[in-house]
N, C-alpha and C. Protein backbone atom coordinates (compact mmCIF):
# COMPACT_ATOMS: atom_id res chain seq x y z
N MET A 1 -2.33 -105.64 -0.46
CA MET A 1 -2.60 -107.07 -0.04
C MET A 1 -2.13 -107.12 1.49
N ARG A 2 -2.60 -107.94 2.10
CA ARG A 2 -2.65 -107.86 3.51
C ARG A 2 -1.11 -108.25 4.15
N ASN A 3 -0.91 -108.23 5.26
CA ASN A 3 0.13 -108.86 5.88
C ASN A 3 0.23 -110.61 5.61
N GLY A 4 -0.73 -111.05 6.62
CA GLY A 4 -1.03 -111.81 6.59
C GLY A 4 -0.30 -113.19 7.60
N ILE A 5 0.24 -114.09 6.68
CA ILE A 5 1.87 -114.90 7.11
C ILE A 5 2.95 -114.00 7.07
N SER A 6 2.98 -112.95 6.68
CA SER A 6 3.95 -112.21 6.28
C SER A 6 4.29 -111.27 7.42
N SER A 7 3.51 -111.52 8.46
CA SER A 7 3.51 -110.54 9.69
C SER A 7 4.58 -111.29 10.76
N LEU A 8 4.92 -112.98 10.37
CA LEU A 8 5.65 -113.44 11.56
C LEU A 8 6.58 -112.91 12.23
N PRO A 9 7.20 -112.26 10.98
CA PRO A 9 8.62 -111.54 11.88
C PRO A 9 8.34 -110.48 12.52
N TRP A 10 7.28 -110.25 12.72
CA TRP A 10 6.70 -108.90 13.66
C TRP A 10 6.24 -109.60 15.03
N PHE A 11 5.93 -110.37 14.92
CA PHE A 11 5.72 -111.43 15.92
C PHE A 11 6.54 -111.88 16.69
N SER A 12 7.64 -112.50 15.96
CA SER A 12 9.07 -112.96 15.97
C SER A 12 9.55 -112.18 17.13
N LEU A 13 9.77 -110.49 16.31
CA LEU A 13 10.25 -109.81 17.17
C LEU A 13 9.37 -109.61 18.61
N ALA A 14 8.18 -109.69 18.63
CA ALA A 14 7.51 -109.04 20.07
C ALA A 14 7.88 -110.23 20.93
N LEU A 15 8.09 -111.68 20.29
CA LEU A 15 8.34 -112.82 21.31
C LEU A 15 9.72 -112.50 21.69
N LEU A 16 10.52 -112.07 21.15
CA LEU A 16 11.87 -111.84 21.55
C LEU A 16 12.15 -111.00 22.42
N ILE A 17 11.29 -109.83 22.39
CA ILE A 17 11.21 -108.85 23.47
C ILE A 17 10.66 -109.25 24.34
N VAL A 18 9.59 -110.01 24.25
CA VAL A 18 9.38 -110.69 25.86
C VAL A 18 10.38 -111.49 26.60
N LEU A 19 11.18 -112.45 25.58
CA LEU A 19 12.08 -112.90 26.14
C LEU A 19 13.32 -112.28 26.51
N LEU A 20 13.60 -111.36 26.11
CA LEU A 20 14.82 -110.38 26.71
C LEU A 20 13.98 -109.69 28.04
N ASP A 21 12.91 -109.27 28.05
CA ASP A 21 12.39 -108.49 28.94
C ASP A 21 12.19 -109.25 29.97
N GLN A 22 12.12 -110.55 30.12
CA GLN A 22 11.81 -111.37 31.32
C GLN A 22 13.33 -111.90 31.76
N TYR A 23 14.22 -112.23 30.62
CA TYR A 23 15.66 -112.38 30.89
C TYR A 23 16.17 -111.43 31.98
N THR A 24 16.24 -109.93 31.29
CA THR A 24 16.70 -109.25 32.04
C THR A 24 16.13 -108.84 33.24
N LYS A 25 14.95 -108.81 33.89
CA LYS A 25 14.16 -108.95 34.68
C LYS A 25 14.50 -110.02 35.37
N GLY A 26 14.69 -110.97 35.39
CA GLY A 26 14.99 -112.04 36.25
C GLY A 26 16.31 -111.80 36.31
N LEU A 27 17.24 -111.26 36.00
CA LEU A 27 18.93 -110.82 36.19
C LEU A 27 18.91 -109.54 37.53
N ALA A 28 17.92 -108.60 37.29
CA ALA A 28 17.69 -107.81 38.03
C ALA A 28 16.88 -107.99 39.44
N SER A 29 16.05 -109.12 39.29
CA SER A 29 15.65 -109.73 40.79
C SER A 29 16.49 -110.84 41.24
N GLY A 30 17.45 -111.38 40.72
CA GLY A 30 18.38 -112.21 40.90
C GLY A 30 19.59 -111.38 41.96
N GLY A 31 19.70 -110.41 41.12
CA GLY A 31 21.10 -109.81 41.28
C GLY A 31 21.31 -108.42 41.78
N LEU A 32 20.44 -107.88 42.08
CA LEU A 32 20.11 -106.71 43.12
C LEU A 32 19.38 -106.86 44.58
N GLU A 33 19.65 -105.89 45.43
CA GLU A 33 18.73 -105.96 46.52
C GLU A 33 17.70 -104.42 45.93
N TYR A 34 16.48 -105.33 46.47
CA TYR A 34 15.29 -104.33 46.45
C TYR A 34 15.41 -102.75 47.25
N GLY A 35 15.31 -101.68 45.96
CA GLY A 35 15.33 -100.11 46.41
C GLY A 35 16.74 -99.91 46.35
N ARG A 36 17.99 -100.63 46.74
CA ARG A 36 19.32 -100.05 46.51
C ARG A 36 19.44 -100.17 45.24
N PRO A 37 20.05 -98.63 45.18
CA PRO A 37 20.73 -98.45 43.89
C PRO A 37 22.26 -98.74 43.52
N VAL A 38 22.62 -99.24 42.67
CA VAL A 38 23.96 -99.79 42.01
C VAL A 38 24.00 -98.76 41.13
N SER A 39 25.08 -97.95 41.01
CA SER A 39 25.44 -96.90 40.01
C SER A 39 26.12 -97.73 38.72
N VAL A 40 26.02 -97.35 37.33
CA VAL A 40 26.29 -97.71 36.77
C VAL A 40 27.19 -96.54 35.74
N PHE A 41 26.32 -95.53 35.61
CA PHE A 41 27.17 -93.97 34.89
C PHE A 41 26.62 -93.03 35.75
N TRP A 42 27.24 -91.96 36.13
CA TRP A 42 26.68 -90.74 36.68
C TRP A 42 25.52 -90.59 36.48
N TRP A 43 24.79 -90.81 35.61
CA TRP A 43 22.95 -90.66 35.27
C TRP A 43 22.15 -91.55 35.27
N LEU A 44 23.17 -93.12 35.23
CA LEU A 44 21.97 -94.47 35.41
C LEU A 44 22.55 -95.10 36.62
N ASN A 45 21.94 -96.12 37.20
CA ASN A 45 21.48 -96.75 38.46
C ASN A 45 20.53 -97.72 38.04
N PHE A 46 20.95 -99.11 38.51
CA PHE A 46 19.79 -100.10 38.51
C PHE A 46 19.43 -100.25 39.62
N THR A 47 18.35 -100.17 40.07
CA THR A 47 17.64 -99.82 41.13
C THR A 47 16.40 -100.80 40.83
N LEU A 48 16.53 -102.17 41.40
CA LEU A 48 15.26 -103.20 41.42
C LEU A 48 13.88 -102.35 42.43
N LEU A 49 12.75 -102.20 41.56
CA LEU A 49 11.64 -102.27 42.41
C LEU A 49 10.29 -102.86 41.75
N HIS A 50 9.19 -102.39 41.98
CA HIS A 50 8.29 -103.75 42.11
C HIS A 50 6.87 -102.29 41.44
N ASN A 51 6.53 -102.28 40.57
CA ASN A 51 5.48 -101.60 39.95
C ASN A 51 3.82 -102.08 40.10
N THR A 52 3.06 -101.69 41.17
CA THR A 52 1.94 -102.37 40.94
C THR A 52 1.22 -101.49 40.09
N GLY A 53 1.32 -100.00 39.59
CA GLY A 53 0.70 -99.48 39.20
C GLY A 53 0.91 -99.44 37.50
N ALA A 54 0.37 -98.28 36.97
CA ALA A 54 0.71 -98.33 35.34
C ALA A 54 2.02 -97.62 35.39
N ALA A 55 2.24 -97.20 33.88
CA ALA A 55 3.45 -96.24 33.46
C ALA A 55 3.09 -95.11 34.67
N PHE A 56 4.92 -95.15 35.22
CA PHE A 56 5.02 -93.92 36.29
C PHE A 56 4.24 -94.21 37.56
N SER A 57 4.45 -95.30 37.85
CA SER A 57 3.61 -95.76 39.08
C SER A 57 2.17 -95.30 39.50
N PHE A 58 1.48 -94.89 38.10
CA PHE A 58 -0.06 -94.33 38.04
C PHE A 58 -0.76 -95.25 39.06
N LEU A 59 -1.56 -94.95 39.91
CA LEU A 59 -2.28 -96.02 40.48
C LEU A 59 -1.77 -97.01 41.18
N SER A 60 -0.82 -97.07 41.89
CA SER A 60 0.38 -98.11 42.45
C SER A 60 -0.10 -97.97 43.66
N ASP A 61 -0.97 -97.65 44.22
CA ASP A 61 -1.55 -97.39 45.98
C ASP A 61 -2.86 -97.75 45.91
N ALA A 62 -3.47 -98.06 44.96
CA ALA A 62 -4.97 -97.78 44.42
C ALA A 62 -5.84 -99.19 45.52
N GLY A 63 -5.01 -100.04 46.01
CA GLY A 63 -5.61 -101.13 46.69
C GLY A 63 -5.55 -102.40 46.36
N GLY A 64 -4.88 -102.89 44.53
CA GLY A 64 -5.09 -103.90 44.11
C GLY A 64 -5.99 -104.36 42.97
N TRP A 65 -6.83 -103.62 42.68
CA TRP A 65 -7.73 -103.75 41.63
C TRP A 65 -7.43 -103.44 40.50
N GLN A 66 -6.24 -102.49 40.66
CA GLN A 66 -5.33 -102.41 38.85
C GLN A 66 -4.65 -103.30 38.57
N ARG A 67 -4.24 -104.05 39.33
CA ARG A 67 -3.64 -105.33 38.51
C ARG A 67 -4.39 -105.83 37.82
N TYR A 68 -6.11 -106.35 38.14
CA TYR A 68 -6.55 -106.86 37.51
C TYR A 68 -7.32 -106.06 35.94
N PHE A 69 -7.16 -104.86 36.50
CA PHE A 69 -7.74 -103.72 35.36
C PHE A 69 -6.73 -103.22 34.44
N PHE A 70 -5.21 -103.75 34.71
CA PHE A 70 -4.06 -103.28 33.79
C PHE A 70 -4.00 -104.59 33.42
N SER A 71 -4.28 -105.70 33.76
CA SER A 71 -3.75 -106.95 32.80
C SER A 71 -5.07 -107.08 31.73
N ALA A 72 -6.15 -106.78 31.98
CA ALA A 72 -7.26 -106.66 30.98
C ALA A 72 -6.58 -105.56 29.97
N ALA A 73 -6.80 -104.77 30.43
CA ALA A 73 -6.39 -103.59 29.50
C ALA A 73 -5.07 -104.07 28.36
N ALA A 74 -4.42 -104.62 28.95
CA ALA A 74 -2.77 -105.47 28.21
C ALA A 74 -3.12 -106.34 27.19
N VAL A 75 -4.39 -107.60 27.93
CA VAL A 75 -4.73 -108.30 27.08
C VAL A 75 -5.31 -107.93 25.75
N GLY A 76 -6.35 -106.82 25.80
CA GLY A 76 -7.18 -106.30 24.80
C GLY A 76 -6.37 -105.54 23.96
N ILE A 77 -5.23 -104.71 24.34
CA ILE A 77 -4.51 -103.66 23.61
C ILE A 77 -3.87 -104.59 22.80
N SER A 78 -3.37 -105.88 23.37
CA SER A 78 -2.43 -106.95 22.62
C SER A 78 -3.00 -107.67 21.58
N ALA A 79 -4.35 -107.78 21.97
CA ALA A 79 -5.13 -108.39 20.59
C ALA A 79 -5.51 -107.55 19.64
N VAL A 80 -5.68 -106.33 20.13
CA VAL A 80 -5.73 -105.30 18.84
C VAL A 80 -4.52 -105.16 18.03
N LEU A 81 -3.36 -105.09 18.45
CA LEU A 81 -2.20 -105.19 18.01
C LEU A 81 -2.13 -106.18 17.16
N ALA A 82 -2.43 -107.31 17.64
CA ALA A 82 -1.83 -108.61 16.81
C ALA A 82 -2.87 -108.79 15.54
N ILE A 83 -3.97 -108.33 15.92
CA ILE A 83 -4.92 -108.39 14.95
C ILE A 83 -4.13 -107.04 13.56
N TRP A 84 -4.23 -105.85 14.45
CA TRP A 84 -3.85 -105.15 13.06
C TRP A 84 -2.43 -105.53 12.66
N LEU A 85 -1.29 -106.11 13.05
CA LEU A 85 -0.17 -106.20 12.16
C LEU A 85 -0.67 -107.54 11.55
N TYR A 86 -1.73 -108.17 11.96
CA TYR A 86 -2.13 -109.59 10.50
C TYR A 86 -2.69 -108.91 9.47
N VAL A 87 -3.51 -107.56 9.48
CA VAL A 87 -4.24 -107.34 8.66
C VAL A 87 -3.90 -106.22 7.58
N MET A 88 -2.67 -105.61 8.82
CA MET A 88 -2.33 -104.31 7.93
C MET A 88 -1.88 -104.79 6.43
N PRO A 89 -2.01 -103.75 5.74
CA PRO A 89 -0.79 -104.02 4.11
C PRO A 89 0.39 -104.47 4.41
N ARG A 90 0.95 -105.15 3.48
CA ARG A 90 2.24 -105.31 3.56
C ARG A 90 3.24 -103.71 3.12
N GLY A 91 4.47 -104.15 3.15
CA GLY A 91 5.18 -102.92 2.73
C GLY A 91 5.18 -101.81 3.99
N GLN A 92 4.33 -101.73 5.11
CA GLN A 92 4.55 -100.69 6.01
C GLN A 92 5.58 -101.02 7.20
N LEU A 93 6.74 -101.15 6.64
CA LEU A 93 7.74 -101.37 7.74
C LEU A 93 7.97 -100.72 9.20
N LEU A 94 7.79 -99.57 9.05
CA LEU A 94 8.07 -98.68 10.55
C LEU A 94 7.24 -98.76 11.15
N LEU A 95 5.65 -98.84 10.78
CA LEU A 95 4.29 -98.98 11.78
C LEU A 95 4.82 -100.68 11.89
N ALA A 96 4.58 -101.46 11.33
CA ALA A 96 5.01 -103.32 11.35
C ALA A 96 6.08 -103.09 12.50
N LEU A 97 7.29 -102.46 12.35
CA LEU A 97 8.14 -102.84 13.58
C LEU A 97 7.82 -101.87 14.97
N SER A 98 7.06 -101.17 14.54
CA SER A 98 6.22 -100.38 15.71
C SER A 98 5.92 -100.99 16.28
N LEU A 99 4.52 -101.55 15.69
CA LEU A 99 3.70 -102.37 16.54
C LEU A 99 3.82 -103.86 17.36
N GLY A 100 5.07 -104.53 16.68
CA GLY A 100 5.65 -105.33 16.83
C GLY A 100 6.38 -105.18 18.58
N MET A 101 7.45 -104.13 18.19
CA MET A 101 7.89 -103.42 19.33
C MET A 101 6.33 -103.15 20.55
N ILE A 102 5.69 -102.34 20.24
CA ILE A 102 4.63 -102.37 21.29
C ILE A 102 4.13 -103.67 21.93
N LEU A 103 3.81 -104.34 21.12
CA LEU A 103 3.30 -105.82 21.49
C LEU A 103 4.03 -106.87 22.54
N GLY A 104 5.31 -106.82 22.13
CA GLY A 104 6.20 -107.33 22.99
C GLY A 104 6.50 -106.89 24.49
N GLY A 105 6.60 -105.56 24.64
CA GLY A 105 6.39 -104.63 25.49
C GLY A 105 5.54 -104.83 26.78
N ALA A 106 4.04 -104.82 25.97
CA ALA A 106 3.02 -104.79 26.43
C ALA A 106 2.92 -106.47 27.17
N LEU A 107 3.02 -107.53 26.18
CA LEU A 107 3.00 -108.93 26.93
C LEU A 107 4.34 -109.16 27.69
N GLY A 108 5.11 -108.36 27.80
CA GLY A 108 6.44 -108.74 28.71
C GLY A 108 5.86 -107.73 30.09
N ASN A 109 5.47 -107.15 30.03
CA ASN A 109 4.46 -106.50 31.32
C ASN A 109 3.54 -107.21 31.57
N LEU A 110 2.58 -107.41 30.89
CA LEU A 110 1.76 -108.50 31.61
C LEU A 110 1.75 -109.67 32.36
N TRP A 111 2.70 -110.68 31.44
CA TRP A 111 3.41 -111.55 32.14
C TRP A 111 3.78 -111.20 33.56
N ASP A 112 4.63 -110.11 33.78
CA ASP A 112 5.18 -109.51 35.32
C ASP A 112 3.61 -109.60 36.18
N ARG A 113 2.38 -109.05 35.28
CA ARG A 113 1.49 -108.72 36.11
C ARG A 113 0.78 -109.70 36.50
N VAL A 114 0.71 -110.47 35.83
CA VAL A 114 -0.26 -111.76 36.19
C VAL A 114 0.64 -112.99 36.50
N ALA A 115 1.93 -113.06 36.73
CA ALA A 115 2.62 -114.31 37.35
C ALA A 115 3.13 -113.81 38.99
N LEU A 116 3.34 -112.38 38.70
CA LEU A 116 3.79 -111.67 40.01
C LEU A 116 2.89 -110.66 40.84
N GLY A 117 1.74 -109.92 40.30
CA GLY A 117 1.08 -109.14 40.68
C GLY A 117 2.14 -107.86 40.68
N TYR A 118 3.02 -107.44 40.02
CA TYR A 118 3.87 -106.55 39.64
C TYR A 118 4.61 -106.46 38.77
N VAL A 119 4.91 -104.76 38.53
CA VAL A 119 5.88 -105.16 36.90
C VAL A 119 7.26 -105.07 37.41
N VAL A 120 8.24 -105.68 37.42
CA VAL A 120 9.50 -105.67 38.16
C VAL A 120 10.36 -104.38 37.23
N ASP A 121 10.45 -103.14 37.54
CA ASP A 121 11.75 -101.98 36.96
C ASP A 121 12.99 -101.96 37.47
N PHE A 122 13.84 -101.67 36.57
CA PHE A 122 15.24 -101.78 37.44
C PHE A 122 16.40 -100.72 36.46
N VAL A 123 15.56 -99.95 35.94
CA VAL A 123 16.30 -99.07 34.59
C VAL A 123 15.95 -97.68 35.47
N SER A 124 17.38 -96.90 36.04
CA SER A 124 16.86 -95.57 36.57
C SER A 124 18.05 -94.52 36.21
N VAL A 125 16.98 -93.53 35.45
CA VAL A 125 17.66 -92.59 34.74
C VAL A 125 17.95 -91.39 35.64
N HIS A 126 18.94 -90.63 36.04
CA HIS A 126 18.89 -89.62 36.54
C HIS A 126 19.74 -88.19 36.24
N TYR A 127 19.58 -87.09 36.59
CA TYR A 127 20.39 -86.26 36.73
C TYR A 127 20.30 -85.34 37.93
N GLU A 128 21.19 -85.35 38.61
CA GLU A 128 21.74 -84.80 39.97
C GLU A 128 20.96 -85.60 41.03
N ASP A 129 19.93 -84.90 41.36
CA ASP A 129 18.73 -85.53 42.19
C ASP A 129 17.52 -85.27 41.20
N HIS A 130 17.48 -85.17 40.59
CA HIS A 130 16.21 -85.21 39.35
C HIS A 130 16.20 -87.08 38.71
N TYR A 131 15.05 -87.65 39.08
CA TYR A 131 14.96 -89.25 38.64
C TYR A 131 13.86 -89.18 37.82
N PHE A 132 13.99 -89.65 37.01
CA PHE A 132 12.85 -90.38 35.92
C PHE A 132 12.49 -91.37 36.58
N PRO A 133 10.87 -91.73 36.40
CA PRO A 133 10.81 -93.01 37.00
C PRO A 133 11.22 -94.50 36.45
N ALA A 134 11.67 -95.38 37.41
CA ALA A 134 12.32 -96.37 36.85
C ALA A 134 11.15 -97.10 35.73
N PHE A 135 12.53 -97.66 34.69
CA PHE A 135 11.09 -98.72 34.11
C PHE A 135 12.53 -100.18 33.70
N ASN A 136 11.92 -100.68 32.75
CA ASN A 136 12.46 -101.32 32.10
C ASN A 136 12.28 -101.98 30.60
N LEU A 137 13.15 -102.91 29.91
CA LEU A 137 12.87 -103.00 28.71
C LEU A 137 11.97 -102.93 28.14
N ALA A 138 10.76 -104.02 28.58
CA ALA A 138 9.48 -103.59 28.04
C ALA A 138 8.85 -102.52 27.77
N ASP A 139 9.22 -101.33 28.84
CA ASP A 139 8.79 -99.95 28.74
C ASP A 139 9.63 -99.24 27.52
N ALA A 140 10.38 -99.52 27.57
CA ALA A 140 11.69 -98.94 26.65
C ALA A 140 10.87 -99.15 25.20
N THR A 141 10.82 -100.68 24.99
CA THR A 141 10.42 -100.94 23.29
C THR A 141 8.89 -100.22 23.56
N ILE A 142 7.85 -100.32 24.25
CA ILE A 142 6.44 -99.50 24.37
C ILE A 142 7.04 -98.13 23.58
N SER A 143 7.67 -97.40 24.46
CA SER A 143 7.62 -95.99 24.04
C SER A 143 8.44 -95.76 22.89
N LEU A 144 9.74 -96.86 22.60
CA LEU A 144 10.36 -96.53 21.07
C LEU A 144 9.34 -96.82 20.20
N GLY A 145 8.37 -97.53 20.45
CA GLY A 145 7.15 -98.36 19.06
C GLY A 145 6.20 -96.83 19.20
N ALA A 146 6.21 -96.21 20.48
CA ALA A 146 5.05 -95.18 20.11
C ALA A 146 5.27 -94.06 19.44
N VAL A 147 7.06 -93.71 19.39
CA VAL A 147 7.50 -92.72 18.64
C VAL A 147 7.74 -93.29 16.80
N GLY A 148 7.98 -94.63 16.89
CA GLY A 148 7.86 -95.13 15.65
C GLY A 148 6.57 -95.04 14.92
N MET A 149 5.66 -95.12 15.60
CA MET A 149 4.31 -94.88 15.15
C MET A 149 4.10 -93.39 14.72
N LEU A 150 4.32 -92.67 15.31
CA LEU A 150 4.39 -91.02 15.60
C LEU A 150 4.95 -90.97 14.21
N ILE A 151 5.96 -91.06 14.11
CA ILE A 151 6.92 -90.84 12.75
C ILE A 151 6.65 -91.37 11.70
N ASP A 152 5.88 -92.33 11.62
CA ASP A 152 5.06 -93.31 10.72
C ASP A 152 3.86 -92.29 10.37
N SER A 153 3.49 -91.96 11.43
CA SER A 153 1.99 -91.22 11.06
C SER A 153 2.23 -89.96 10.10
N PHE A 154 3.17 -89.43 10.62
CA PHE A 154 3.61 -88.14 9.77
C PHE A 154 4.50 -88.31 8.65
N LEU A 155 5.17 -89.33 8.62
CA LEU A 155 5.78 -89.99 6.89
C LEU A 155 4.90 -90.09 6.19
N HIS A 156 3.67 -90.21 5.93
CA HIS A 156 2.42 -91.38 5.58
C HIS A 156 1.15 -91.03 5.84
N ARG A 157 1.18 -89.67 5.48
CA ARG A 157 -0.44 -88.56 6.21
C ARG A 157 -1.21 -89.30 4.80
N ASP A 158 -0.80 -89.02 3.77
CA ASP A 158 -1.79 -89.64 2.43
C ASP A 158 -2.30 -91.00 2.54
N ARG A 159 -1.71 -92.06 3.69
CA ARG A 159 -1.91 -93.47 3.55
C ARG A 159 -3.54 -93.26 4.26
N PRO A 160 -4.28 -93.77 3.97
CA PRO A 160 -5.73 -94.13 4.44
C PRO A 160 -5.65 -95.30 5.67
N MET A 161 -6.33 -94.73 6.79
CA MET A 161 -6.03 -95.84 8.04
C MET A 161 -6.48 -96.95 7.81
N LEU A 162 -6.27 -98.00 9.13
CA LEU A 162 -6.61 -99.36 8.53
C LEU A 162 -8.58 -99.38 8.72
N GLY A 163 -8.74 -100.21 7.29
CA GLY A 163 -10.34 -100.31 7.43
C GLY A 163 -10.92 -98.85 6.34
N GLU A 164 -10.26 -98.09 6.41
CA GLU A 164 -10.47 -96.69 5.72
C GLU A 164 -10.42 -96.75 3.77
N ARG A 165 -11.60 -96.16 3.01
CA ARG A 165 -11.18 -96.68 1.50
C ARG A 165 -10.49 -95.19 1.31
N LYS A 166 -9.65 -94.55 -0.05
CA LYS A 166 -9.03 -93.76 -0.67
C LYS A 166 -10.21 -93.33 -1.19
N THR A 167 -10.56 -92.07 -1.03
CA THR A 167 -11.71 -91.60 -1.87
C THR A 167 -10.87 -90.27 -2.93
N GLY A 168 -11.89 -89.47 -3.84
CA GLY A 168 -11.28 -88.80 -4.36
C GLY A 168 -10.13 -88.85 -5.74
N GLN A 169 -9.87 -90.23 -5.78
CA GLN A 169 -9.15 -90.63 -7.15
C GLN A 169 -9.38 -91.70 -8.35
């Protein structure tokens, strides 16, 4: 049986992620000085940065076309995720949770790209002088959602892919 209206909690999760993501980015933009780290723990800073590229600032200095490319990609990916959530069989909770998290994160970063022309990043994790690229709540939920999808794929290897029929039974 397909999710249909039962996918509403997962769409609500995605909306909650977008709202929390935008709220935290607003706090960071209003409370932090651009590029100046504020130490939270020995391994964590809040540092306001603007990312015009993709993950890890990939293509951030490409001249501006990347804004439209990544926005279009996010719209396409979000549409696929929304349709997947709606038509997937009920009872696949980890997969639905993962898709909702990825959808919320993708929409949160899309909002920034369209409204601002860049994505607001502010979480900076480091060890001594080794820094992981700055990120935000949307990035974190996308990453956690991807891990959830991987775990789900290992736990349910026997489950057919979306649109695929079981054979040999």
